[in-house]
Amino acid sequence: AMKLQSPQFQALFTPGLRSVAELFEKKNYELRIAGGAVRDLLSGMTPQDIDFATTATPAEMKEMFTSAGVRLINNKGEKHGTITARLHEQNFEITTLRIDVVTDGRHAEVEFTTDWEKDAERRDLTVNSMFLGLDGMLYDFFNGYEDLKNKKIRFVGKASERIQEDYLRILRYFRFYGRIAEKPDDHEPSTLQAIKENAKGLAGISGERIWVELKKILLGNHVNHLVRLMYELDIAQYIGLPLDGSLEEFDRVTKNIQNLCPKPVTVLTSLFKVKDDVTNLDLRLKISKEEKNLGLFLVKHRQELTKAVGPEPLRPYQDFIMDSREANTNSKICELLKYQGEEHLLREMQQWTVPSFPVSGHDLRKMGVSSGKEIGTALQQLRDEWKKSGYHMDKEELLSCLKKL
């Protein structure tokens, strides 16, 4: 049996966790770390958040915590068996072991159990189905640790059964593949078959849930391979992607942005040919307004807004920002530069601050220009001169320029 004693594991034992462990021990309820946190710890990472599983029912936990004077945080998890307790400024989410009784491909009705293996059986992937005792003992019913070491992503038990319990698991398979697998094309053929046969089930999953997974896939490894698979396995049409996505462009752009930390939409837009593709994605996935605007911006400008030949390659982008009346044009231009793979220009752009126009109407009045209409015209002419100078002319130079005009 494997016993974990890594520094990351030791670091979990805060005063809060020690108190929680003590309470459970007193009552003889078993408490273990579950799911993703176990996977992270075994990979030598510090988990972002930790889920605990227990043999105690929600009612038993409530009774135990309340009589110990522990504050419970009311959240909606209770009907799924989750209680959240707050000790020493830290929240602990603890869920009763359970079996799915009825599933409809989206959510499950559960009943509680004290059988750890039964609970592991209803989890999606082997690498997510392990438990870790607080003594560091690993409980692994489906060879999750082997799979993790071999960088294999497999469903627990029969792939088709797991998928039919919740069709979103198709995308979770892709997401963890992109996170853990070493080589792009290392799938079990039977898994891909099960995914293809059940792809239609994704039509019934809410856009918001799909978008959460898809964004993580787009920023993970092997994204090019995984998106191609979505087309080969007939998934694309059910998750808002265009039927005839530009896979060549996608291929090119995913290489461009490898180390540039793009936004998910920036990666995805390379599949799109026209702005309707962005609109359709939004209809299906309910992406944010900012995400939608970025997609539309990239589709519109990715071809003709490019660097200048000559000593000032950034000028077209800078001019675009200066002429734009919108607030976040700067960040959109940075995403465009990532899309185009212009790493050096991106760095320069990130260091460039938008200069402010040095002349005001007040200055012109002092020079004797009085009518509002004339002031407007003069300001526009000076702005043009200023732009031609690469935004270098200062107030004096511009005003003396006005005299000539």
Protein backbone atom coordinates (compact mmCIF):
# COMPACT_ATOMS: atom_id res chain seq x y z
CA ALA A 1 0.00 0.00 0.00
CA MET A 2 1.12 3.49 -0.82
CA LYS A 3 1.57 6.08 1.92
CA LEU A 4 2.01 9.72 0.98
CA GLN A 5 4.17 11.97 3.17
CA SER A 6 5.08 14.81 0.81
CA PRO A 7 5.64 18.39 1.99
CA GLN A 8 2.53 19.42 0.00
CA PHE A 9 0.50 16.89 1.96
CA GLN A 10 2.00 17.92 5.32
CA ALA A 11 1.19 21.56 4.52
CA LEU A 12 -2.55 20.78 4.50
CA PHE A 13 -2.57 20.25 8.23
CA THR A 14 -3.64 23.70 9.33
CA PRO A 15 -5.15 24.30 12.78
CA GLY A 16 -8.53 24.13 11.04
CA LEU A 17 -7.96 20.70 9.52
CA ARG A 18 -6.53 19.37 12.79
CA SER A 19 -9.70 20.43 14.62
CA VAL A 20 -11.94 18.90 11.94
CA ALA A 21 -10.00 15.62 12.02
CA GLU A 22 -10.27 15.49 15.82
CA LEU A 23 -14.05 15.90 15.76
CA PHE A 24 -14.50 13.09 13.22
CA GLU A 25 -12.13 10.83 15.09
CA LYS A 26 -13.99 11.33 18.36
CA LYS A 27 -17.20 10.20 16.70
CA ASN A 28 -15.53 7.36 14.78
CA TYR A 29 -16.58 8.73 11.40
CA GLU A 30 -14.09 8.19 8.61
CA LEU A 31 -12.80 11.29 6.83
CA ARG A 32 -10.64 11.28 3.72
CA ILE A 33 -9.48 13.70 1.04
CA ALA A 34 -11.25 12.99 -2.25
CA GLY A 35 -11.03 13.47 -6.01
CA GLY A 36 -8.97 16.18 -7.69
CA ALA A 37 -6.98 17.13 -4.58
CA VAL A 38 -5.65 13.58 -4.32
CA ARG A 39 -4.65 13.66 -7.99
CA ASP A 40 -2.81 16.95 -7.46
CA LEU A 41 -1.01 15.76 -4.33
CA LEU A 42 0.14 12.58 -6.07
CA SER A 43 1.47 14.75 -8.93
CA GLY A 44 3.48 16.75 -6.41
CA MET A 45 1.24 19.81 -6.69
CA THR A 46 -0.51 21.82 -3.99
CA PRO A 47 -4.27 21.47 -4.60
CA GLN A 48 -6.30 24.64 -5.19
CA ASP A 49 -9.24 23.43 -3.18
CA ILE A 50 -9.79 20.30 -1.20
CA ASP A 51 -12.89 18.16 -1.07
CA PHE A 52 -13.38 15.77 1.80
CA ALA A 53 -15.53 12.65 1.84
CA THR A 54 -16.94 10.91 4.89
CA THR A 55 -19.07 8.03 6.07
CA ALA A 56 -21.06 10.44 8.29
CA THR A 57 -24.45 11.57 6.95
CA PRO A 58 -25.23 15.28 6.60
CA ALA A 59 -27.51 15.05 9.65
CA GLU A 60 -24.75 13.43 11.72
CA MET A 61 -22.24 16.08 10.61
CA LYS A 62 -24.63 18.91 11.44
CA GLU A 63 -25.28 17.49 14.86
CA MET A 64 -21.55 16.98 15.51
CA PHE A 65 -20.50 20.43 14.34
CA THR A 66 -23.36 22.27 16.04
CA SER A 67 -22.75 20.67 19.41
CA ALA A 68 -19.06 21.57 19.09
CA GLY A 69 -20.08 25.18 18.37
CA VAL A 70 -18.68 25.13 14.83
CA ARG A 71 -20.19 27.58 12.34
CA LEU A 72 -21.88 25.99 9.33
CA ILE A 73 -21.99 27.91 6.08
CA ASN A 74 -25.35 27.59 4.47
CA ASN A 75 -24.92 26.63 0.88
CA LYS A 76 -27.07 24.60 -1.42
CA GLY A 77 -24.95 21.47 -1.22
CA GLU A 78 -26.89 19.71 1.46
CA LYS A 79 -29.28 17.74 -0.73
CA HIS A 80 -26.22 16.27 -2.48
CA GLY A 81 -24.80 15.49 0.94
CA THR A 82 -22.31 18.36 1.28
CA ILE A 83 -21.83 20.28 4.52
CA THR A 84 -19.51 23.29 4.69
CA ALA A 85 -17.99 24.03 8.09
CA ARG A 86 -15.85 27.05 8.97
CA LEU A 87 -13.01 26.62 11.44
CA HIS A 88 -10.01 28.89 12.02
CA GLU A 89 -10.88 31.17 9.08
CA GLN A 90 -11.00 28.21 6.69
CA ASN A 91 -13.92 26.50 4.94
CA PHE A 92 -14.16 22.72 4.82
CA GLU A 93 -16.45 21.10 2.27
CA ILE A 94 -17.29 17.61 3.39
CA THR A 95 -19.53 15.30 1.40
CA THR A 96 -21.18 12.06 2.48
CA LEU A 97 -20.30 9.00 0.38
CA ARG A 98 -23.08 8.38 -2.07
CA ILE A 99 -24.48 6.24 -4.84
CA ASP A 100 -26.28 7.67 -7.86
CA VAL A 101 -29.74 6.14 -7.97
CA VAL A 102 -31.22 7.88 -11.00
CA THR A 103 -29.30 9.91 -13.56
CA ASP A 104 -30.70 11.77 -16.55
CA GLY A 105 -27.45 12.73 -18.25
CA ARG A 106 -27.31 16.04 -16.39
CA HIS A 107 -27.82 15.50 -12.69
CA ALA A 108 -28.30 12.61 -10.33
CA GLU A 109 -30.50 11.65 -7.41
CA VAL A 110 -28.29 10.19 -4.73
CA GLU A 111 -28.53 7.99 -1.70
CA PHE A 112 -25.90 7.85 1.02
CA THR A 113 -23.58 4.92 1.64
CA THR A 114 -20.63 4.02 3.84
CA ASP A 115 -18.95 2.04 1.06
CA TRP A 116 -15.91 3.92 -0.28
CA GLU A 117 -15.66 1.80 -3.41
CA LYS A 118 -19.28 2.47 -4.35
CA ASP A 119 -18.59 6.19 -4.14
CA ALA A 120 -15.42 5.90 -6.22
CA GLU A 121 -17.39 3.96 -8.82
CA ARG A 122 -19.66 6.90 -9.65
CA ARG A 123 -16.77 9.33 -10.26
CA ASP A 124 -15.79 10.17 -13.83
CA LEU A 125 -12.12 9.32 -14.43
CA THR A 126 -9.77 6.92 -12.67
CA VAL A 127 -7.33 9.73 -11.82
CA ASN A 128 -10.19 11.56 -10.06
CA SER A 129 -11.55 8.57 -8.17
CA MET A 130 -8.95 8.13 -5.41
CA PHE A 131 -9.13 8.90 -1.70
CA LEU A 132 -6.37 9.81 0.69
CA GLY A 133 -6.58 9.10 4.41
CA LEU A 134 -5.33 11.82 6.75
CA ASP A 135 -2.52 9.41 7.66
CA GLY A 136 -1.38 9.55 4.00
CA MET A 137 -2.81 6.14 3.06
CA LEU A 138 -4.01 5.95 -0.54
CA TYR A 139 -7.32 4.23 -1.35
CA ASP A 140 -7.41 3.54 -5.05
CA PHE A 141 -10.04 1.12 -6.34
CA PHE A 142 -9.60 1.68 -10.09
CA ASN A 143 -5.83 1.96 -10.66
CA GLY A 144 -5.96 5.73 -10.74
CA TYR A 145 -2.42 6.05 -9.41
CA GLU A 146 -1.04 3.75 -12.11
CA ASP A 147 -2.89 5.74 -14.76
CA LEU A 148 -1.59 9.01 -13.33
CA LYS A 149 2.00 7.74 -13.38
CA ASN A 150 1.54 6.48 -16.95
CA LYS A 151 -0.27 9.70 -17.92
CA LYS A 152 -3.34 7.76 -19.02
CA ILE A 153 -6.86 9.19 -18.95
CA ARG A 154 -9.53 6.53 -18.55
CA PHE A 155 -13.13 6.47 -17.41
CA VAL A 156 -13.98 4.55 -14.27
CA GLY A 157 -15.56 1.26 -15.40
CA LYS A 158 -17.43 1.42 -18.71
CA ALA A 159 -16.95 4.69 -20.58
CA SER A 160 -20.45 4.73 -22.07
CA GLU A 161 -22.09 4.27 -18.64
CA ARG A 162 -20.05 7.07 -17.08
CA ILE A 163 -20.82 9.39 -19.99
CA GLN A 164 -24.55 8.68 -19.92
CA GLU A 165 -24.68 9.69 -16.25
CA ASP A 166 -23.51 13.17 -17.24
CA TYR A 167 -22.66 14.00 -20.85
CA LEU A 168 -20.41 16.86 -19.77
CA ARG A 169 -17.91 14.12 -18.86
CA ILE A 170 -16.98 13.95 -22.55
CA LEU A 171 -15.46 17.41 -22.23
CA ARG A 172 -13.95 16.61 -18.85
CA TYR A 173 -12.19 13.69 -20.51
CA PHE A 174 -10.69 16.11 -23.05
CA ARG A 175 -9.78 18.65 -20.39
CA PHE A 176 -7.85 16.15 -18.25
CA TYR A 177 -6.32 14.62 -21.34
CA GLY A 178 -4.91 18.06 -22.16
CA ARG A 179 -3.66 18.41 -18.62
CA ILE A 180 -2.11 15.00 -17.98
CA ALA A 181 -1.46 13.02 -21.16
CA GLU A 182 2.02 13.24 -22.62
CA LYS A 183 1.34 12.49 -26.29
CA PRO A 184 -1.49 13.84 -28.38
CA ASP A 185 -2.91 10.62 -29.73
CA ASP A 186 -2.88 8.19 -26.86
CA HIS A 187 -6.55 7.28 -26.40
CA GLU A 188 -8.17 3.89 -25.97
CA PRO A 189 -10.14 3.29 -29.17
CA SER A 190 -13.10 2.01 -27.14
CA THR A 191 -13.21 5.32 -25.22
CA LEU A 192 -13.32 7.36 -28.43
CA GLN A 193 -16.03 5.05 -29.72
CA ALA A 194 -18.12 5.62 -26.59
CA ILE A 195 -17.65 9.37 -26.90
CA LYS A 196 -18.74 9.35 -30.53
CA GLU A 197 -21.84 7.27 -29.80
CA ASN A 198 -22.87 9.63 -27.00
CA ALA A 199 -21.85 13.00 -28.46
CA LYS A 200 -25.48 13.96 -29.10
CA GLY A 201 -26.06 13.96 -25.35
CA LEU A 202 -24.09 17.20 -25.12
CA ALA A 203 -27.03 18.94 -26.82
CA GLY A 204 -28.90 18.73 -23.52
CA ILE A 205 -26.13 20.25 -21.38
CA SER A 206 -26.32 23.94 -20.49
CA GLY A 207 -24.07 26.31 -22.41
CA GLU A 208 -22.59 27.72 -19.22
CA ARG A 209 -21.33 24.31 -18.06
CA ILE A 210 -19.90 23.55 -21.51
CA TRP A 211 -18.10 26.91 -21.69
CA VAL A 212 -16.37 26.35 -18.34
CA GLU A 213 -14.85 23.10 -19.64
CA LEU A 214 -14.14 24.35 -23.15
CA LYS A 215 -12.18 27.36 -21.87
CA LYS A 216 -9.92 25.06 -19.87
CA ILE A 217 -9.40 22.78 -22.89
CA LEU A 218 -8.45 25.78 -25.04
CA LEU A 219 -5.72 26.80 -22.60
CA GLY A 220 -4.38 23.27 -21.99
CA ASN A 221 -1.92 21.09 -23.90
CA HIS A 222 -2.74 19.20 -27.12
CA VAL A 223 -5.51 21.72 -27.88
CA ASN A 224 -5.07 21.32 -31.62
CA HIS A 225 -5.42 17.56 -31.42
CA LEU A 226 -8.40 17.75 -29.04
CA VAL A 227 -10.37 20.21 -31.16
CA ARG A 228 -9.77 18.06 -34.25
CA LEU A 229 -11.16 15.14 -32.26
CA MET A 230 -14.25 17.19 -31.45
CA TYR A 231 -14.88 17.41 -35.17
CA GLU A 232 -14.01 13.77 -35.89
CA LEU A 233 -16.25 12.50 -33.09
CA ASP A 234 -19.21 14.75 -34.06
CA ILE A 235 -19.07 16.82 -30.89
CA ALA A 236 -18.46 20.26 -32.40
CA GLN A 237 -22.01 20.89 -33.64
CA TYR A 238 -23.50 20.27 -30.18
CA ILE A 239 -21.29 22.75 -28.36
CA GLY A 240 -21.73 25.79 -30.57
CA LEU A 241 -18.75 25.34 -32.91
CA PRO A 242 -19.19 25.97 -36.66
CA LEU A 243 -19.70 22.83 -38.75
CA ASP A 244 -16.93 23.81 -41.14
CA GLY A 245 -14.40 25.21 -38.67
CA SER A 246 -11.08 26.36 -40.20
CA LEU A 247 -8.86 23.65 -38.77
CA GLU A 248 -5.81 24.83 -40.74
CA GLU A 249 -6.08 28.34 -39.33
CA PHE A 250 -6.64 26.84 -35.88
CA ASP A 251 -3.49 24.80 -36.33
CA ARG A 252 -1.49 27.87 -37.32
CA VAL A 253 -2.81 30.09 -34.53
CA THR A 254 -2.38 27.50 -31.77
CA LYS A 255 1.32 27.40 -32.72
CA ASN A 256 1.49 31.21 -32.74
CA ILE A 257 0.17 31.64 -29.25
CA GLN A 258 1.89 28.79 -27.49
CA ASN A 259 3.64 30.87 -24.83
CA LEU A 260 1.65 34.08 -25.02
CA CYS A 261 -1.13 33.37 -22.47
CA PRO A 262 -4.04 34.16 -24.81
CA LYS A 263 -7.65 34.40 -23.69
CA PRO A 264 -9.71 31.31 -24.56
CA VAL A 265 -11.78 33.25 -27.13
CA THR A 266 -8.61 34.31 -28.94
CA VAL A 267 -7.68 30.67 -29.49
CA LEU A 268 -11.21 29.68 -30.45
CA THR A 269 -11.78 32.51 -32.94
CA SER A 270 -9.23 30.99 -35.29
CA LEU A 271 -11.85 28.31 -36.08
CA PHE A 272 -14.31 30.98 -37.18
CA LYS A 273 -14.70 32.28 -40.72
CA VAL A 274 -17.43 34.89 -40.31
CA LYS A 275 -18.94 36.92 -37.54
CA ASP A 276 -22.05 34.73 -37.45
CA ASP A 277 -19.81 32.00 -36.04
CA VAL A 278 -19.23 34.21 -33.00
CA THR A 279 -22.93 34.97 -32.68
CA ASN A 280 -23.83 31.27 -32.85
CA LEU A 281 -21.23 30.42 -30.22
CA ASP A 282 -22.75 33.08 -27.97
CA LEU A 283 -26.29 31.76 -28.52
CA ARG A 284 -25.22 28.26 -27.50
CA LEU A 285 -22.74 28.98 -24.71
CA LYS A 286 -23.86 32.37 -23.33
CA ILE A 287 -20.33 33.73 -23.33
CA SER A 288 -19.75 37.10 -21.65
CA LYS A 289 -20.27 40.35 -23.51
CA GLU A 290 -16.54 41.04 -23.34
CA GLU A 291 -15.75 37.62 -24.80
CA LYS A 292 -18.25 38.09 -27.61
CA ASN A 293 -16.85 41.53 -28.47
CA LEU A 294 -13.31 40.17 -28.55
CA GLY A 295 -14.37 37.40 -30.94
CA LEU A 296 -16.11 39.86 -33.26
CA PHE A 297 -13.11 42.22 -33.12
CA LEU A 298 -10.66 39.46 -34.09
CA VAL A 299 -12.79 38.14 -36.95
CA LYS A 300 -13.13 41.69 -38.30
CA HIS A 301 -9.52 42.91 -37.98
CA ARG A 302 -7.23 39.86 -37.99
CA GLN A 303 -6.50 40.14 -41.72
CA GLU A 304 -6.11 43.79 -42.52
CA LEU A 305 -4.80 45.20 -39.25
CA THR A 306 -1.18 44.04 -39.46
CA LYS A 307 2.23 45.44 -38.73
CA ALA A 308 3.71 48.16 -40.91
CA VAL A 309 6.75 47.57 -43.07
CA GLY A 310 9.59 49.88 -42.07
CA PRO A 311 10.96 51.33 -38.85
CA GLU A 312 7.62 51.58 -36.99
CA PRO A 313 5.87 48.22 -37.24
CA LEU A 314 3.56 49.03 -34.31
CA ARG A 315 2.15 52.20 -35.83
CA PRO A 316 -1.02 50.71 -37.39
CA TYR A 317 -1.98 49.22 -34.02
CA GLN A 318 -1.20 52.42 -32.15
CA ASP A 319 -3.17 54.49 -34.65
CA PHE A 320 -6.07 52.12 -34.28
CA ILE A 321 -6.06 52.56 -30.50
CA MET A 322 -5.74 56.35 -30.78
CA ASP A 323 -8.66 56.54 -33.23
CA SER A 324 -10.84 54.20 -31.24
CA ARG A 325 -13.36 55.63 -28.85
CA GLU A 326 -13.75 52.45 -26.82
CA ALA A 327 -12.27 51.72 -23.43
CA ASN A 328 -10.58 48.34 -23.77
CA THR A 329 -9.25 48.53 -27.32
CA ASN A 330 -5.76 48.17 -25.92
CA SER A 331 -6.36 44.68 -24.54
CA LYS A 332 -8.13 43.62 -27.76
CA ILE A 333 -5.11 44.73 -29.79
CA CYS A 334 -2.86 42.68 -27.48
CA GLU A 335 -5.01 39.62 -28.14
CA LEU A 336 -4.80 40.33 -31.88
CA LEU A 337 -0.99 40.43 -31.66
CA LYS A 338 -1.03 37.07 -29.86
CA TYR A 339 -3.33 35.66 -32.54
CA GLN A 340 -0.89 36.87 -35.20
CA GLY A 341 2.07 35.43 -33.27
CA GLU A 342 3.79 38.83 -33.02
CA GLU A 343 5.62 38.16 -29.77
CA HIS A 344 8.06 41.11 -29.94
CA LEU A 345 5.41 43.61 -30.92
CA LEU A 346 3.20 42.32 -28.11
CA ARG A 347 5.94 43.09 -25.57
CA GLU A 348 6.41 46.58 -26.99
CA MET A 349 2.66 47.13 -27.01
CA GLN A 350 2.38 46.10 -23.37
CA GLN A 351 4.98 48.71 -22.46
CA TRP A 352 3.43 51.48 -24.54
CA THR A 353 1.22 53.95 -22.74
CA VAL A 354 -1.46 55.75 -24.68
CA PRO A 355 -0.24 59.36 -25.03
CA SER A 356 -2.72 62.12 -24.29
CA PHE A 357 -3.32 64.92 -26.79
CA PRO A 358 -1.51 67.98 -25.41
CA VAL A 359 -3.75 70.76 -26.78
CA SER A 360 -7.17 71.77 -25.43
CA GLY A 361 -9.87 74.17 -26.59
CA HIS A 362 -8.78 76.44 -23.76
CA ASP A 363 -5.33 76.82 -25.38
CA LEU A 364 -6.94 77.84 -28.67
CA ARG A 365 -9.16 80.44 -27.01
CA LYS A 366 -6.05 81.99 -25.45
CA MET A 367 -4.68 82.28 -28.98
CA GLY A 368 -7.78 84.13 -30.09
CA VAL A 369 -9.77 81.37 -31.83
CA SER A 370 -13.24 82.14 -30.56
CA SER A 371 -16.05 80.31 -32.32
CA GLY A 372 -16.79 76.80 -31.16
CA LYS A 373 -16.95 75.51 -34.70
CA GLU A 374 -13.49 76.88 -35.53
CA ILE A 375 -12.06 75.40 -32.34
CA GLY A 376 -13.44 71.99 -33.30
CA THR A 377 -11.94 72.15 -36.79
CA ALA A 378 -8.57 73.39 -35.51
CA LEU A 379 -8.36 70.66 -32.86
CA GLN A 380 -9.05 68.01 -35.48
CA GLN A 381 -6.33 69.42 -37.77
CA LEU A 382 -3.83 69.49 -34.92
CA ARG A 383 -4.78 65.96 -33.94
CA ASP A 384 -3.97 64.84 -37.49
CA GLU A 385 -0.58 66.59 -37.38
CA TRP A 386 0.12 65.07 -33.99
CA LYS A 387 -0.76 61.62 -35.31
CA LYS A 388 1.53 62.08 -38.34
CA SER A 389 4.38 62.91 -35.97
CA GLY A 390 3.91 59.57 -34.23
CA TYR A 391 2.32 61.42 -31.25
CA HIS A 392 5.67 63.09 -30.52
CA MET A 393 4.83 66.78 -31.07
CA ASP A 394 4.35 68.71 -27.85
CA LYS A 395 2.00 71.60 -27.11
CA GLU A 396 4.40 74.36 -28.30
CA GLU A 397 5.14 72.63 -31.59
CA LEU A 398 1.46 72.02 -32.25
CA LEU A 399 0.44 75.59 -31.46
CA SER A 400 3.15 77.01 -33.71
CA CYS A 401 1.89 74.63 -36.35
CA LEU A 402 -1.55 76.18 -35.94
CA LYS A 403 -0.15 79.60 -36.83
CA LYS A 404 1.07 78.16 -40.12
CA LEU A 405 -2.33 76.58 -40.74
